Protein backbone atom coordinates (compact mmCIF):
# COMPACT_ATOMS: atom_id res chain seq x y z
CA MET A 1 119.29 274.11 70.46
CA CYS A 2 119.12 272.19 67.77
CA VAL A 3 121.47 270.24 65.05
CA VAL A 4 121.32 268.09 62.33
CA GLU A 5 122.52 265.54 61.44
CA ALA A 6 123.65 266.65 57.54
CA ASN A 7 123.58 263.53 55.75
CA HIS A 8 119.88 261.45 56.78
CA ALA A 9 118.13 265.33 58.30
CA THR A 10 117.76 263.90 61.55
CA ILE A 11 117.08 265.75 64.35
CA TYR A 12 119.14 266.37 67.84
CA GLU A 13 119.28 268.13 70.79
CA LEU A 14 122.87 268.94 71.05
CA LEU A 15 122.77 268.25 75.22
CA ALA A 16 121.42 264.36 74.12
CA ILE A 17 123.96 263.98 70.97
CA ILE A 18 127.03 264.99 71.99
CA PRO A 19 127.56 263.18 74.88
CA PHE A 20 126.15 259.74 72.78
CA ILE A 21 128.72 260.79 70.19
CA ARG A 22 131.57 261.29 72.48
CA GLU A 23 131.10 257.85 73.95
CA HIS A 24 129.61 255.30 70.64
CA GLY A 25 131.07 257.77 67.81
CA THR A 26 127.88 256.82 66.06
CA ASP A 27 124.33 257.95 64.82
CA PRO A 28 122.02 256.68 67.17
CA LYS A 29 119.09 256.28 64.28
CA THR A 30 121.63 254.57 61.80
CA GLY A 31 124.21 253.13 63.11
CA LYS A 32 126.29 255.18 61.54
CA ARG A 33 129.86 256.06 61.90
CA LEU A 34 129.05 260.75 63.27
CA ALA A 35 131.62 262.93 64.72
CA PRO A 36 130.50 266.12 65.98
CA SER A 37 131.73 267.82 62.94
CA ASP A 38 128.84 266.74 61.30
CA LEU A 39 126.09 268.30 62.69
CA ILE A 40 124.50 271.28 61.97
CA ARG A 41 123.42 273.89 64.37
CA LEU A 42 119.94 275.21 63.29
CA ASN A 43 119.30 279.01 63.69
CA PHE A 44 115.74 279.94 64.78
CA PHE A 45 114.43 282.99 64.48
CA GLU A 46 111.57 284.69 66.97
CA ASN A 47 108.91 287.42 66.21
CA SER A 48 108.47 290.19 69.20
CA GLU A 49 106.49 287.79 70.97
CA GLY A 50 108.98 285.14 71.14
CA GLU A 51 106.62 283.07 68.72
CA ARG A 52 109.45 280.58 66.05
CA CYS A 53 109.15 282.19 62.57
CA ASP A 54 110.09 282.44 59.22
CA PRO A 55 112.51 285.77 58.91
CA VAL A 56 111.26 287.18 55.90
CA SER A 57 107.78 286.45 55.99
CA PHE A 58 107.46 286.21 59.43
CA LYS A 59 104.71 283.42 59.07
CA VAL A 60 105.23 281.76 62.64
CA PHE A 61 105.51 278.09 62.61
CA ASN A 62 103.11 275.49 63.94
CA GLU A 63 102.72 271.76 63.48
CA HIS A 64 101.74 272.12 60.07
CA THR A 65 104.98 274.62 58.78
CA HIS A 66 106.88 272.79 56.38
CA LEU A 67 110.62 274.16 57.50
CA VAL A 68 114.09 273.66 55.45
CA ALA A 69 117.19 274.58 56.47
CA ILE A 70 120.11 276.19 54.77
CA ARG A 71 123.59 273.49 55.23
CA PRO A 72 126.16 276.57 55.16
CA SER A 73 124.35 279.14 57.58
CA GLY A 74 122.02 276.45 59.98
CA ASN A 75 119.20 279.50 59.40
CA VAL A 76 115.45 277.47 59.05
CA TYR A 77 112.79 278.83 56.84
CA THR A 78 109.39 278.02 55.54
CA LYS A 79 109.84 275.61 52.48
CA GLU A 80 107.50 278.66 50.80
CA SER A 81 110.51 281.29 51.10
CA ILE A 82 112.91 279.53 49.78
CA GLU A 83 110.99 278.21 46.47
CA ARG A 84 109.76 281.46 46.01
CA LEU A 85 112.78 283.48 46.80
CA ASN A 86 115.71 281.16 45.87
CA ILE A 87 114.57 278.47 43.76
CA LYS A 88 112.59 280.11 41.23
CA PRO A 89 114.60 283.18 40.88
CA GLN A 90 117.83 280.61 40.81
CA HIS A 91 119.34 282.90 43.87
CA TRP A 92 121.63 281.06 45.90
CA HIS A 93 122.47 283.27 48.54
CA ASP A 94 121.16 282.75 51.97
CA LEU A 95 118.26 285.06 52.27
CA MET A 96 119.35 286.27 55.87
CA THR A 97 123.09 286.10 55.54
CA ASP A 98 123.72 286.64 51.90
CA GLU A 99 125.82 283.31 52.64
CA PRO A 100 126.42 281.65 48.90
CA PHE A 101 125.04 277.68 48.82
CA LYS A 102 124.24 274.89 46.40
CA ARG A 103 120.60 273.94 45.75
CA SER A 104 121.80 270.13 47.04
CA ASP A 105 122.64 272.56 50.45
CA ILE A 106 118.37 272.88 51.09
CA ILE A 107 117.85 270.67 54.01
CA THR A 108 114.17 269.71 53.29
CA SER A 109 111.60 268.30 56.09
CA VAL A 110 114.10 269.84 58.56
CA CYS A 111 111.16 269.72 61.48
CA PRO A 112 107.52 267.72 59.99
CA GLY A 113 105.08 267.18 63.03
CA LEU A 114 106.35 270.09 65.27
CA VAL A 115 105.68 268.88 69.20
CA GLY A 116 105.97 272.20 70.20
CA PRO A 117 107.79 275.77 70.25
CA ARG A 118 109.46 275.16 73.79
CA ALA A 119 109.72 271.57 73.86
CA SER A 120 113.03 271.33 75.96
CA GLY A 121 114.38 274.38 74.26
CA GLY A 122 113.73 273.83 71.21
CA TRP A 123 111.24 272.93 68.09
CA LEU A 124 111.23 269.07 68.23
CA THR A 125 110.26 266.30 65.94
CA GLN A 126 108.47 263.45 67.48
CA CYS A 127 111.28 261.50 65.91
CA SER A 128 114.00 263.63 68.18
CA VAL A 129 112.09 262.92 70.98
CA ASN A 130 112.11 259.76 70.71
CA ALA A 131 115.88 259.48 69.75
CA GLY A 132 116.80 261.64 72.76
CA SER A 133 115.34 259.30 74.75
CA LYS A 134 117.12 256.32 72.99
CA ILE A 135 120.16 257.71 73.61
CA ARG A 136 119.76 258.88 77.18
CA SER A 137 118.59 255.08 78.00
CA MET A 138 121.58 253.84 76.01
CA LEU A 139 123.80 255.71 77.67
CA ARG A 140 122.54 254.82 81.49
CA ALA A 141 122.90 251.29 79.98
CA GLY A 142 126.22 251.80 79.11
CA THR A 143 125.49 250.48 75.54
């Protein structure tokens, strides 16, 4: 499962970031204070073939898909769906849950440059792969 750090839209693997936060209390990328409550769990939807997709348009995600997440729900959509169905008509409710949100709750560029649908159990960016490796190596080194 992926989580995103709310202030910087940095994606981390849950199993790597939680132990790091408990030990260091900081964001491994920025060095700033970070608490588990600052993390947002991302909710990806799958089609009948098990491929990650936009739950509204059913467009399958690939390495070129521009994804966004809605902060209160953590639901992940294509940027196109959010622009067409939320931003343009000024409809500030999550498309799946109808939960209200503000424009500032749209987290853009959630997963640019995806490296694969099944890598480590979720969609990862190259950045999160590197961050996960950094976290694990820092935990092993005891820093």
